[in-house]
PDB file of N, CA and C in Angstrom:
ATOM      1  N   UNK A   1     -99.595  32.782   1.469  1.00  0.00           N
ATOM      2  CA  UNK A   1     -99.879  31.427   1.887  1.00  0.00           C
ATOM      3  C   UNK A   1     -99.829  30.467   0.695  1.00  0.00           C
ATOM      4  N   UNK A   2    -100.353  30.925  -0.451  1.00  0.00           N
ATOM      5  CA  UNK A   2    -100.352  30.080  -1.654  1.00  0.00           C
ATOM      6  C   UNK A   2     -98.921  29.855  -2.138  1.00  0.00           C
ATOM      7  N   UNK A   3     -98.093  30.886  -2.038  1.00  0.00           N
ATOM      8  CA  UNK A   3     -96.699  30.768  -2.460  1.00  0.00           C
ATOM      9  C   UNK A   3     -95.957  29.782  -1.557  1.00  0.00           C
ATOM     10  N   UNK A   4     -96.195  29.881  -0.268  1.00  0.00           N
ATOM     11  CA  UNK A   4     -95.566  28.963   0.681  1.00  0.00           C
ATOM     12  C   UNK A   4     -96.010  27.529   0.406  1.00  0.00           C
ATOM     13  N   UNK A   5     -97.275  27.334   0.127  1.00  0.00           N
ATOM     14  CA  UNK A   5     -97.791  25.994  -0.187  1.00  0.00           C
ATOM     15  C   UNK A   5     -97.129  25.457  -1.449  1.00  0.00           C
ATOM     16  N   UNK A   6     -96.955  26.297  -2.446  1.00  0.00           N
ATOM     17  CA  UNK A   6     -96.309  25.901  -3.702  1.00  0.00           C
ATOM     18  C   UNK A   6     -94.860  25.479  -3.441  1.00  0.00           C
ATOM     19  N   UNK A   7     -94.148  26.274  -2.650  1.00  0.00           N
ATOM     20  CA  UNK A   7     -92.753  25.958  -2.331  1.00  0.00           C
ATOM     21  C   UNK A   7     -92.675  24.646  -1.561  1.00  0.00           C
ATOM     22  N   UNK A   8     -93.564  24.434  -0.600  1.00  0.00           N
ATOM     23  CA  UNK A   8     -93.560  23.194   0.177  1.00  0.00           C
ATOM     24  C   UNK A   8     -93.852  21.986  -0.711  1.00  0.00           C
ATOM     25  N   UNK A   9     -94.783  22.142  -1.617  1.00  0.00           N
ATOM     26  CA  UNK A   9     -95.115  21.053  -2.545  1.00  0.00           C
ATOM     27  C   UNK A   9     -93.915  20.735  -3.436  1.00  0.00           C
ATOM     28  N   UNK A  10     -93.259  21.763  -3.934  1.00  0.00           N
ATOM     29  CA  UNK A  10     -92.084  21.550  -4.777  1.00  0.00           C
ATOM     30  C   UNK A  10     -90.952  20.881  -3.989  1.00  0.00           C
ATOM     31  N   UNK A  11     -90.771  21.298  -2.738  1.00  0.00           N
ATOM     32  CA  UNK A  11     -89.727  20.697  -1.898  1.00  0.00           C
ATOM     33  C   UNK A  11     -90.018  19.218  -1.643  1.00  0.00           C
ATOM     34  N   UNK A  12     -91.267  18.884  -1.374  1.00  0.00           N
ATOM     35  CA  UNK A  12     -91.632  17.484  -1.143  1.00  0.00           C
ATOM     36  C   UNK A  12     -91.368  16.645  -2.400  1.00  0.00           C
ATOM     37  N   UNK A  13     -91.735  17.171  -3.547  1.00  0.00           N
ATOM     38  CA  UNK A  13     -91.478  16.471  -4.805  1.00  0.00           C
ATOM     39  C   UNK A  13     -89.995  16.289  -5.041  1.00  0.00           C
ATOM     40  N   UNK A  14     -89.226  17.319  -4.746  1.00  0.00           N
ATOM     41  CA  UNK A  14     -87.778  17.261  -4.923  1.00  0.00           C
ATOM     42  C   UNK A  14     -87.166  16.234  -3.972  1.00  0.00           C
ATOM     43  N   UNK A  15     -87.612  16.217  -2.713  1.00  0.00           N
ATOM     44  CA  UNK A  15     -87.095  15.256  -1.740  1.00  0.00           C
ATOM     45  C   UNK A  15     -87.428  13.821  -2.164  1.00  0.00           C
ATOM     46  N   UNK A  16     -88.637  13.601  -2.662  1.00  0.00           N
ATOM     47  CA  UNK A  16     -89.011  12.259  -3.117  1.00  0.00           C
ATOM     48  C   UNK A  16     -88.166  11.829  -4.312  1.00  0.00           C
ATOM     49  N   UNK A  17     -87.931  12.758  -5.237  1.00  0.00           N
ATOM     50  CA  UNK A  17     -87.130  12.453  -6.415  1.00  0.00           C
ATOM     51  C   UNK A  17     -85.695  12.112  -6.000  1.00  0.00           C
ATOM     52  N   UNK A  18     -85.113  12.895  -5.082  1.00  0.00           N
ATOM     53  CA  UNK A  18     -83.757  12.617  -4.621  1.00  0.00           C
ATOM     54  C   UNK A  18     -83.687  11.316  -3.834  1.00  0.00           C
ATOM     55  N   UNK A  19     -84.717  11.021  -3.059  1.00  0.00           N
ATOM     56  CA  UNK A  19     -84.749   9.767  -2.319  1.00  0.00           C
ATOM     57  C   UNK A  19     -84.734   8.580  -3.276  1.00  0.00           C
ATOM     58  N   UNK A  20     -85.518   8.657  -4.325  1.00  0.00           N
ATOM     59  CA  UNK A  20     -85.545   7.584  -5.321  1.00  0.00           C
ATOM     60  C   UNK A  20     -84.199   7.477  -6.035  1.00  0.00           C
ATOM     61  N   UNK A  21     -83.603   8.616  -6.335  1.00  0.00           N
ATOM     62  CA  UNK A  21     -82.290   8.631  -6.993  1.00  0.00           C
ATOM     63  C   UNK A  21     -81.239   7.972  -6.087  1.00  0.00           C
ATOM     64  N   UNK A  22     -81.315   8.235  -4.795  1.00  0.00           N
ATOM     65  CA  UNK A  22     -80.364   7.631  -3.861  1.00  0.00           C
ATOM     66  C   UNK A  22     -80.554   6.113  -3.789  1.00  0.00           C
ATOM     67  N   UNK A  23     -81.791   5.643  -3.798  1.00  0.00           N
ATOM     68  CA  UNK A  23     -82.047   4.197  -3.779  1.00  0.00           C
ATOM     69  C   UNK A  23     -81.480   3.540  -5.035  1.00  0.00           C
ATOM     70  N   UNK A  24     -81.730   4.160  -6.170  1.00  0.00           N
ATOM     71  CA  UNK A  24     -81.215   3.627  -7.434  1.00  0.00           C
ATOM     72  C   UNK A  24     -79.692   3.622  -7.438  1.00  0.00           C
ATOM     73  N   UNK A  25     -79.103   4.707  -6.971  1.00  0.00           N
ATOM     74  CA  UNK A  25     -77.645   4.818  -6.927  1.00  0.00           C
ATOM     75  C   UNK A  25     -77.039   3.782  -5.996  1.00  0.00           C
ATOM     76  N   UNK A  26     -77.662   3.572  -4.856  1.00  0.00           N
ATOM     77  CA  UNK A  26     -77.176   2.577  -3.896  1.00  0.00           C
ATOM     78  C   UNK A  26     -77.170   1.192  -4.549  1.00  0.00           C
ATOM     79  N   UNK A  27     -78.230   0.884  -5.282  1.00  0.00           N
ATOM     80  CA  UNK A  27     -78.296  -0.406  -5.985  1.00  0.00           C
ATOM     81  C   UNK A  27     -77.198  -0.493  -7.033  1.00  0.00           C
ATOM     82  N   UNK A  28     -77.020   0.575  -7.803  1.00  0.00           N
ATOM     83  CA  UNK A  28     -75.995   0.585  -8.850  1.00  0.00           C
ATOM     84  C   UNK A  28     -74.589   0.418  -8.277  1.00  0.00           C
ATOM     85  N   UNK A  29     -74.349   0.998  -7.112  1.00  0.00           N
ATOM     86  CA  UNK A  29     -73.033   0.884  -6.489  1.00  0.00           C
ATOM     87  C   UNK A  29     -72.829  -0.481  -5.823  1.00  0.00           C
ATOM     88  N   UNK A  30     -73.883  -1.096  -5.364  1.00  0.00           N
ATOM     89  CA  UNK A  30     -73.762  -2.407  -4.710  1.00  0.00           C
ATOM     90  C   UNK A  30     -73.570  -3.535  -5.716  1.00  0.00           C
ATOM     91  N   UNK A  31     -74.107  -3.386  -6.897  1.00  0.00           N
ATOM     92  CA  UNK A  31     -74.071  -4.475  -7.876  1.00  0.00           C
ATOM     93  C   UNK A  31     -72.653  -4.937  -8.222  1.00  0.00           C
ATOM     94  N   UNK A  32     -71.710  -4.029  -8.522  1.00  0.00           N
ATOM     95  CA  UNK A  32     -70.351  -4.512  -8.820  1.00  0.00           C
ATOM     96  C   UNK A  32     -69.708  -5.230  -7.628  1.00  0.00           C
ATOM     97  N   UNK A  33     -70.010  -4.785  -6.426  1.00  0.00           N
ATOM     98  CA  UNK A  33     -69.461  -5.449  -5.243  1.00  0.00           C
ATOM     99  C   UNK A  33     -70.033  -6.858  -5.102  1.00  0.00           C
ATOM    100  N   UNK A  34     -71.328  -6.993  -5.361  1.00  0.00           N
ATOM    101  CA  UNK A  34     -71.943  -8.318  -5.310  1.00  0.00           C
ATOM    102  C   UNK A  34     -71.363  -9.219  -6.397  1.00  0.00           C
ATOM    103  N   UNK A  35     -71.146  -8.664  -7.574  1.00  0.00           N
ATOM    104  CA  UNK A  35     -70.554  -9.448  -8.666  1.00  0.00           C
ATOM    105  C   UNK A  35     -69.152  -9.910  -8.304  1.00  0.00           C
ATOM    106  N   UNK A  36     -68.381  -9.025  -7.683  1.00  0.00           N
ATOM    107  CA  UNK A  36     -67.014  -9.388  -7.284  1.00  0.00           C
ATOM    108  C   UNK A  36     -67.052 -10.454  -6.191  1.00  0.00           C
ATOM    109  N   UNK A  37     -68.016 -10.363  -5.305  1.00  0.00           N
ATOM    110  CA  UNK A  37     -68.180 -11.388  -4.283  1.00  0.00           C
ATOM    111  C   UNK A  37     -68.514 -12.740  -4.895  1.00  0.00           C
ATOM    112  N   UNK A  38     -69.373 -12.736  -5.906  1.00  0.00           N
ATOM    113  CA  UNK A  38     -69.709 -13.981  -6.604  1.00  0.00           C
ATOM    114  C   UNK A  38     -68.485 -14.551  -7.305  1.00  0.00           C
ATOM    115  N   UNK A  39     -67.656 -13.652  -7.810  1.00  0.00           N
ATOM    116  CA  UNK A  39     -66.424 -14.088  -8.460  1.00  0.00           C
ATOM    117  C   UNK A  39     -65.520 -14.788  -7.445  1.00  0.00           C
ATOM    118  N   UNK A  40     -65.425 -14.241  -6.247  1.00  0.00           N
ATOM    119  CA  UNK A  40     -64.609 -14.855  -5.191  1.00  0.00           C
ATOM    120  C   UNK A  40     -65.180 -16.222  -4.802  1.00  0.00           C
ATOM    121  N   UNK A  41     -66.490 -16.321  -4.739  1.00  0.00           N
ATOM    122  CA  UNK A  41     -67.120 -17.610  -4.427  1.00  0.00           C
ATOM    123  C   UNK A  41     -66.782 -18.634  -5.502  1.00  0.00           C
ATOM    124  N   UNK A  42     -66.820 -18.201  -6.775  1.00  0.00           N
ATOM    125  CA  UNK A  42     -66.456 -19.132  -7.857  1.00  0.00           C
ATOM    126  C   UNK A  42     -65.019 -19.607  -7.703  1.00  0.00           C
ATOM    127  N   UNK A  43     -64.128 -18.689  -7.324  1.00  0.00           N
ATOM    128  CA  UNK A  43     -62.729 -19.065  -7.136  1.00  0.00           C
ATOM    129  C   UNK A  43     -62.595 -20.108  -6.031  1.00  0.00           C
ATOM    130  N   UNK A  44     -63.254 -19.853  -4.920  1.00  0.00           N
ATOM    131  CA  UNK A  44     -63.143 -20.785  -3.797  1.00  0.00           C
ATOM    132  C   UNK A  44     -63.786 -22.135  -4.100  1.00  0.00           C
ATOM    133  N   UNK A  45     -64.799 -22.143  -4.930  1.00  0.00           N
ATOM    134  CA  UNK A  45     -65.415 -23.420  -5.320  1.00  0.00           C
ATOM    135  C   UNK A  45     -64.489 -24.213  -6.234  1.00  0.00           C
ATOM    136  N   UNK A  46     -63.700 -23.520  -7.029  1.00  0.00           N
ATOM    137  CA  UNK A  46     -62.781 -24.198  -7.947  1.00  0.00           C
ATOM    138  C   UNK A  46     -61.589 -24.789  -7.216  1.00  0.00           C
ATOM    139  N   UNK A  47     -61.190 -24.126  -6.141  1.00  0.00           N
ATOM    140  CA  UNK A  47     -60.021 -24.581  -5.388  1.00  0.00           C
ATOM    141  C   UNK A  47     -60.471 -25.209  -4.075  1.00  0.00           C
ATOM    142  N   UNK A  48     -59.729 -26.167  -3.604  1.00  0.00           N
ATOM    143  CA  UNK A  48     -59.989 -26.642  -2.247  1.00  0.00           C
ATOM    144  C   UNK A  48     -59.473 -25.572  -1.295  1.00  0.00           C
ATOM    145  N   UNK A  49     -59.954 -25.606  -0.075  1.00  0.00           N
ATOM    146  CA  UNK A  49     -59.502 -24.630   0.915  1.00  0.00           C
ATOM    147  C   UNK A  49     -57.998 -24.764   1.135  1.00  0.00           C
ATOM    148  N   UNK A  50     -57.529 -25.984   1.175  1.00  0.00           N
ATOM    149  CA  UNK A  50     -56.097 -26.221   1.347  1.00  0.00           C
ATOM    150  C   UNK A  50     -55.301 -25.635   0.190  1.00  0.00           C
ATOM    151  N   UNK A  51     -55.780 -25.863  -1.037  1.00  0.00           N
ATOM    152  CA  UNK A  51     -55.086 -25.327  -2.216  1.00  0.00           C
ATOM    153  C   UNK A  51     -55.099 -23.804  -2.199  1.00  0.00           C
ATOM    154  N   UNK A  52     -56.213 -23.211  -1.797  1.00  0.00           N
ATOM    155  CA  UNK A  52     -56.311 -21.753  -1.717  1.00  0.00           C
ATOM    156  C   UNK A  52     -55.251 -21.208  -0.763  1.00  0.00           C
ATOM    157  N   UNK A  53     -55.172 -21.779   0.435  1.00  0.00           N
ATOM    158  CA  UNK A  53     -54.176 -21.312   1.406  1.00  0.00           C
ATOM    159  C   UNK A  53     -52.755 -21.572   0.921  1.00  0.00           C
ATOM    160  N   UNK A  54     -52.566 -22.686   0.248  1.00  0.00           N
ATOM    161  CA  UNK A  54     -51.245 -22.998  -0.296  1.00  0.00           C
ATOM    162  C   UNK A  54     -50.835 -21.923  -1.302  1.00  0.00           C
ATOM    163  N   UNK A  55     -51.739 -21.559  -2.204  1.00  0.00           N
ATOM    164  CA  UNK A  55     -51.452 -20.511  -3.179  1.00  0.00           C
ATOM    165  C   UNK A  55     -51.198 -19.173  -2.494  1.00  0.00           C
ATOM    166  N   UNK A  56     -51.994 -18.876  -1.469  1.00  0.00           N
ATOM    167  CA  UNK A  56     -51.824 -17.602  -0.751  1.00  0.00           C
ATOM    168  C   UNK A  56     -50.444 -17.499  -0.122  1.00  0.00           C
ATOM    169  N   UNK A  57     -49.981 -18.607   0.419  1.00  0.00           N
ATOM    170  CA  UNK A  57     -48.717 -18.592   1.154  1.00  0.00           C
ATOM    171  C   UNK A  57     -47.487 -18.823   0.286  1.00  0.00           C
ATOM    172  N   UNK A  58     -47.642 -19.608  -0.778  1.00  0.00           N
ATOM    173  CA  UNK A  58     -46.430 -20.011  -1.506  1.00  0.00           C
ATOM    174  C   UNK A  58     -46.431 -19.692  -2.997  1.00  0.00           C
ATOM    175  N   UNK A  59     -47.594 -19.494  -3.594  1.00  0.00           N
ATOM    176  CA  UNK A  59     -47.631 -19.350  -5.056  1.00  0.00           C
ATOM    177  C   UNK A  59     -48.652 -18.301  -5.475  1.00  0.00           C
ATOM    178  N   UNK A  60     -48.300 -17.058  -5.221  1.00  0.00           N
ATOM    179  CA  UNK A  60     -49.212 -15.958  -5.533  1.00  0.00           C
ATOM    180  C   UNK A  60     -49.530 -15.882  -7.027  1.00  0.00           C
ATOM    181  N   UNK A  61     -48.583 -16.228  -7.864  1.00  0.00           N
ATOM    182  CA  UNK A  61     -48.811 -16.191  -9.317  1.00  0.00           C
ATOM    183  C   UNK A  61     -49.907 -17.180  -9.718  1.00  0.00           C
ATOM    184  N   UNK A  62     -49.892 -18.359  -9.129  1.00  0.00           N
ATOM    185  CA  UNK A  62     -50.927 -19.363  -9.436  1.00  0.00           C
ATOM    186  C   UNK A  62     -52.287 -18.875  -8.958  1.00  0.00           C
ATOM    187  N   UNK A  63     -52.322 -18.223  -7.799  1.00  0.00           N
ATOM    188  CA  UNK A  63     -53.579 -17.683  -7.296  1.00  0.00           C
ATOM    189  C   UNK A  63     -54.111 -16.604  -8.227  1.00  0.00           C
ATOM    190  N   UNK A  64     -53.234 -15.749  -8.708  1.00  0.00           N
ATOM    191  CA  UNK A  64     -53.663 -14.711  -9.670  1.00  0.00           C
ATOM    192  C   UNK A  64     -54.190 -15.326 -10.960  1.00  0.00           C
ATOM    193  N   UNK A  65     -53.537 -16.377 -11.405  1.00  0.00           N
ATOM    194  CA  UNK A  65     -53.982 -17.056 -12.626  1.00  0.00           C
ATOM    195  C   UNK A  65     -55.386 -17.631 -12.425  1.00  0.00           C
ATOM    196  N   UNK A  66     -55.611 -18.261 -11.275  1.00  0.00           N
ATOM    197  CA  UNK A  66     -56.945 -18.798 -10.975  1.00  0.00           C
ATOM    198  C   UNK A  66     -57.967 -17.671 -10.882  1.00  0.00           C
ATOM    199  N   UNK A  67     -57.565 -16.551 -10.284  1.00  0.00           N
ATOM    200  CA  UNK A  67     -58.469 -15.396 -10.162  1.00  0.00           C
ATOM    201  C   UNK A  67     -58.826 -14.864 -11.549  1.00  0.00           C
ATOM    202  N   UNK A  68     -57.860 -14.773 -12.435  1.00  0.00           N
ATOM    203  CA  UNK A  68     -58.111 -14.292 -13.798  1.00  0.00           C
ATOM    204  C   UNK A  68     -59.056 -15.226 -14.552  1.00  0.00           C
ATOM    205  N   UNK A  69     -58.981 -16.510 -14.266  1.00  0.00           N
ATOM    206  CA  UNK A  69     -59.890 -17.452 -14.913  1.00  0.00           C
ATOM    207  C   UNK A  69     -61.343 -17.176 -14.545  1.00  0.00           C
ATOM    208  N   UNK A  70     -61.586 -16.656 -13.368  1.00  0.00           N
ATOM    209  CA  UNK A  70     -62.957 -16.349 -12.970  1.00  0.00           C
ATOM    210  C   UNK A  70     -63.479 -15.120 -13.694  1.00  0.00           C
ATOM    211  N   UNK A  71     -62.583 -14.333 -14.264  1.00  0.00           N
ATOM    212  CA  UNK A  71     -62.992 -13.096 -14.926  1.00  0.00           C
ATOM    213  C   UNK A  71     -63.797 -13.363 -16.190  1.00  0.00           C
ATOM    214  N   UNK A  72     -63.657 -14.514 -16.778  1.00  0.00           N
ATOM    215  CA  UNK A  72     -64.388 -14.809 -18.008  1.00  0.00           C
ATOM    216  C   UNK A  72     -65.894 -14.735 -17.799  1.00  0.00           C
ATOM    217  N   UNK A  73     -66.337 -15.071 -16.600  1.00  0.00           N
ATOM    218  CA  UNK A  73     -67.775 -15.020 -16.344  1.00  0.00           C
ATOM    219  C   UNK A  73     -68.170 -13.749 -15.588  1.00  0.00           C
ATOM    220  N   UNK A  74     -67.246 -12.847 -15.435  1.00  0.00           N
ATOM    221  CA  UNK A  74     -67.501 -11.569 -14.770  1.00  0.00           C
ATOM    222  C   UNK A  74     -67.339 -10.483 -15.818  1.00  0.00           C
ATOM    223  N   UNK A  75     -68.443 -10.016 -16.333  1.00  0.00           N
ATOM    224  CA  UNK A  75     -68.425  -9.101 -17.463  1.00  0.00           C
ATOM    225  C   UNK A  75     -68.419  -7.644 -16.995  1.00  0.00           C
ATOM    226  N   UNK A  76     -67.403  -6.914 -17.386  1.00  0.00           N
ATOM    227  CA  UNK A  76     -67.328  -5.491 -17.086  1.00  0.00           C
ATOM    228  C   UNK A  76     -66.440  -4.804 -18.117  1.00  0.00           C
ATOM    229  N   UNK A  77     -66.643  -3.526 -18.286  1.00  0.00           N
ATOM    230  CA  UNK A  77     -65.822  -2.760 -19.217  1.00  0.00           C
ATOM    231  C   UNK A  77     -64.633  -2.130 -18.511  1.00  0.00           C
ATOM    232  N   UNK A  78     -64.558  -2.276 -17.188  1.00  0.00           N
ATOM    233  CA  UNK A  78     -63.484  -1.678 -16.407  1.00  0.00           C
ATOM    234  C   UNK A  78     -62.411  -2.715 -16.110  1.00  0.00           C
ATOM    235  N   UNK A  79     -61.176  -2.254 -15.983  1.00  0.00           N
ATOM    236  CA  UNK A  79     -60.095  -3.201 -15.723  1.00  0.00           C
ATOM    237  C   UNK A  79     -60.059  -3.646 -14.270  1.00  0.00           C
ATOM    238  N   UNK A  80     -60.534  -2.785 -13.359  1.00  0.00           N
ATOM    239  CA  UNK A  80     -60.550  -3.162 -11.948  1.00  0.00           C
ATOM    240  C   UNK A  80     -61.868  -2.749 -11.314  1.00  0.00           C
ATOM    241  N   UNK A  81     -62.168  -3.379 -10.194  1.00  0.00           N
ATOM    242  CA  UNK A  81     -63.357  -3.012  -9.432  1.00  0.00           C
ATOM    243  C   UNK A  81     -63.249  -1.566  -8.953  1.00  0.00           C
ATOM    244  N   UNK A  82     -62.055  -1.168  -8.574  1.00  0.00           N
ATOM    245  CA  UNK A  82     -61.837   0.200  -8.107  1.00  0.00           C
ATOM    246  C   UNK A  82     -62.196   1.216  -9.193  1.00  0.00           C
ATOM    247  N   UNK A  83     -61.774   0.953 -10.421  1.00  0.00           N
ATOM    248  CA  UNK A  83     -62.110   1.855 -11.538  1.00  0.00           C
ATOM    249  C   UNK A  83     -63.620   1.929 -11.748  1.00  0.00           C
ATOM    250  N   UNK A  84     -64.272   0.782 -11.656  1.00  0.00           N
ATOM    251  CA  UNK A  84     -65.718   0.747 -11.847  1.00  0.00           C
ATOM    252  C   UNK A  84     -66.429   1.533 -10.746  1.00  0.00           C
ATOM    253  N   UNK A  85     -65.990   1.350  -9.500  1.00  0.00           N
ATOM    254  CA  UNK A  85     -66.623   2.051  -8.383  1.00  0.00           C
ATOM    255  C   UNK A  85     -66.396   3.565  -8.474  1.00  0.00           C
ATOM    256  N   UNK A  86     -65.201   3.978  -8.876  1.00  0.00           N
ATOM    257  CA  UNK A  86     -64.923   5.407  -9.041  1.00  0.00           C
ATOM    258  C   UNK A  86     -65.809   6.013 -10.112  1.00  0.00           C
ATOM    259  N   UNK A  87     -65.949   5.312 -11.226  1.00  0.00           N
ATOM    260  CA  UNK A  87     -66.784   5.802 -12.318  1.00  0.00           C
ATOM    261  C   UNK A  87     -68.244   5.901 -11.892  1.00  0.00           C
ATOM    262  N   UNK A  88     -68.739   4.851 -11.248  1.00  0.00           N
ATOM    263  CA  UNK A  88     -70.131   4.870 -10.779  1.00  0.00           C
ATOM    264  C   UNK A  88     -70.343   5.965  -9.740  1.00  0.00           C
ATOM    265  N   UNK A  89     -69.382   6.142  -8.861  1.00  0.00           N
ATOM    266  CA  UNK A  89     -69.480   7.193  -7.851  1.00  0.00           C
ATOM    267  C   UNK A  89     -69.561   8.569  -8.474  1.00  0.00           C
ATOM    268  N   UNK A  90     -68.769   8.797  -9.499  1.00  0.00           N
ATOM    269  CA  UNK A  90     -68.805  10.081 -10.209  1.00  0.00           C
ATOM    270  C   UNK A  90     -70.144  10.290 -10.902  1.00  0.00           C
ATOM    271  N   UNK A  91     -70.656   9.231 -11.523  1.00  0.00           N
ATOM    272  CA  UNK A  91     -71.961   9.326 -12.188  1.00  0.00           C
ATOM    273  C   UNK A  91     -73.065   9.647 -11.186  1.00  0.00           C
ATOM    274  N   UNK A  92     -73.028   8.999 -10.034  1.00  0.00           N
ATOM    275  CA  UNK A  92     -74.031   9.234  -8.999  1.00  0.00           C
ATOM    276  C   UNK A  92     -73.944  10.671  -8.499  1.00  0.00           C
ATOM    277  N   UNK A  93     -72.732  11.123  -8.207  1.00  0.00           N
ATOM    278  CA  UNK A  93     -72.549  12.491  -7.709  1.00  0.00           C
ATOM    279  C   UNK A  93     -73.031  13.512  -8.734  1.00  0.00           C
ATOM    280  N   UNK A  94     -72.689  13.298  -9.987  1.00  0.00           N
ATOM    281  CA  UNK A  94     -73.136  14.216 -11.046  1.00  0.00           C
ATOM    282  C   UNK A  94     -74.656  14.238 -11.158  1.00  0.00           C
ATOM    283  N   UNK A  95     -75.259  13.061 -11.111  1.00  0.00           N
ATOM    284  CA  UNK A  95     -76.713  12.964 -11.241  1.00  0.00           C
ATOM    285  C   UNK A  95     -77.410  13.673 -10.091  1.00  0.00           C
ATOM    286  N   UNK A  96     -76.944  13.432  -8.881  1.00  0.00           N
ATOM    287  CA  UNK A  96     -77.578  14.062  -7.709  1.00  0.00           C
ATOM    288  C   UNK A  96     -77.342  15.565  -7.717  1.00  0.00           C
ATOM    289  N   UNK A  97     -76.159  15.982  -8.094  1.00  0.00           N
ATOM    290  CA  UNK A  97     -75.877  17.431  -8.155  1.00  0.00           C
ATOM    291  C   UNK A  97     -76.748  18.112  -9.203  1.00  0.00           C
ATOM    292  N   UNK A  98     -76.937  17.443 -10.337  1.00  0.00           N
ATOM    293  CA  UNK A  98     -77.769  18.016 -11.400  1.00  0.00           C
ATOM    294  C   UNK A  98     -79.215  18.131 -10.938  1.00  0.00           C
ATOM    295  N   UNK A  99     -79.710  17.099 -10.278  1.00  0.00           N
ATOM    296  CA  UNK A  99     -81.096  17.128  -9.822  1.00  0.00           C
ATOM    297  C   UNK A  99     -81.306  18.077  -8.659  1.00  0.00           C
ATOM    298  N   UNK A 100     -80.233  18.358  -7.924  1.00  0.00           N
ATOM    299  CA  UNK A 100     -80.352  19.256  -6.788  1.00  0.00           C
ATOM    300  C   UNK A 100     -80.399  20.721  -7.168  1.00  0.00           C
ATOM    301  N   UNK A 101     -80.182  21.014  -8.411  1.00  0.00           N
ATOM    302  CA  UNK A 101     -80.161  22.418  -8.857  1.00  0.00           C
ATOM    303  C   UNK A 101     -81.526  22.933  -9.141  1.00  0.00           C
TER     304      UNK A 101
END
């Protein structure tokens, strides 16, 4: 009975630790997406809606140039959001796998 109680206590502690790790990981994964969303908002604030649609339809290079200008206030060590998300995903998976052992 004492052994079973010990195992149950350890399992509860492990579940709580993993739950906290998942909350932290979820926040870490959401942050780059929120930052990218803020970057898009900055772009749309800089351009009129008409200008945005004009660039989308006729001048993709100008739209890319405007998008790159928003990058100055978007600080990251990754070249793309996809690279950042892949890296964070790998870190999260490694962390959870390590703690699950």
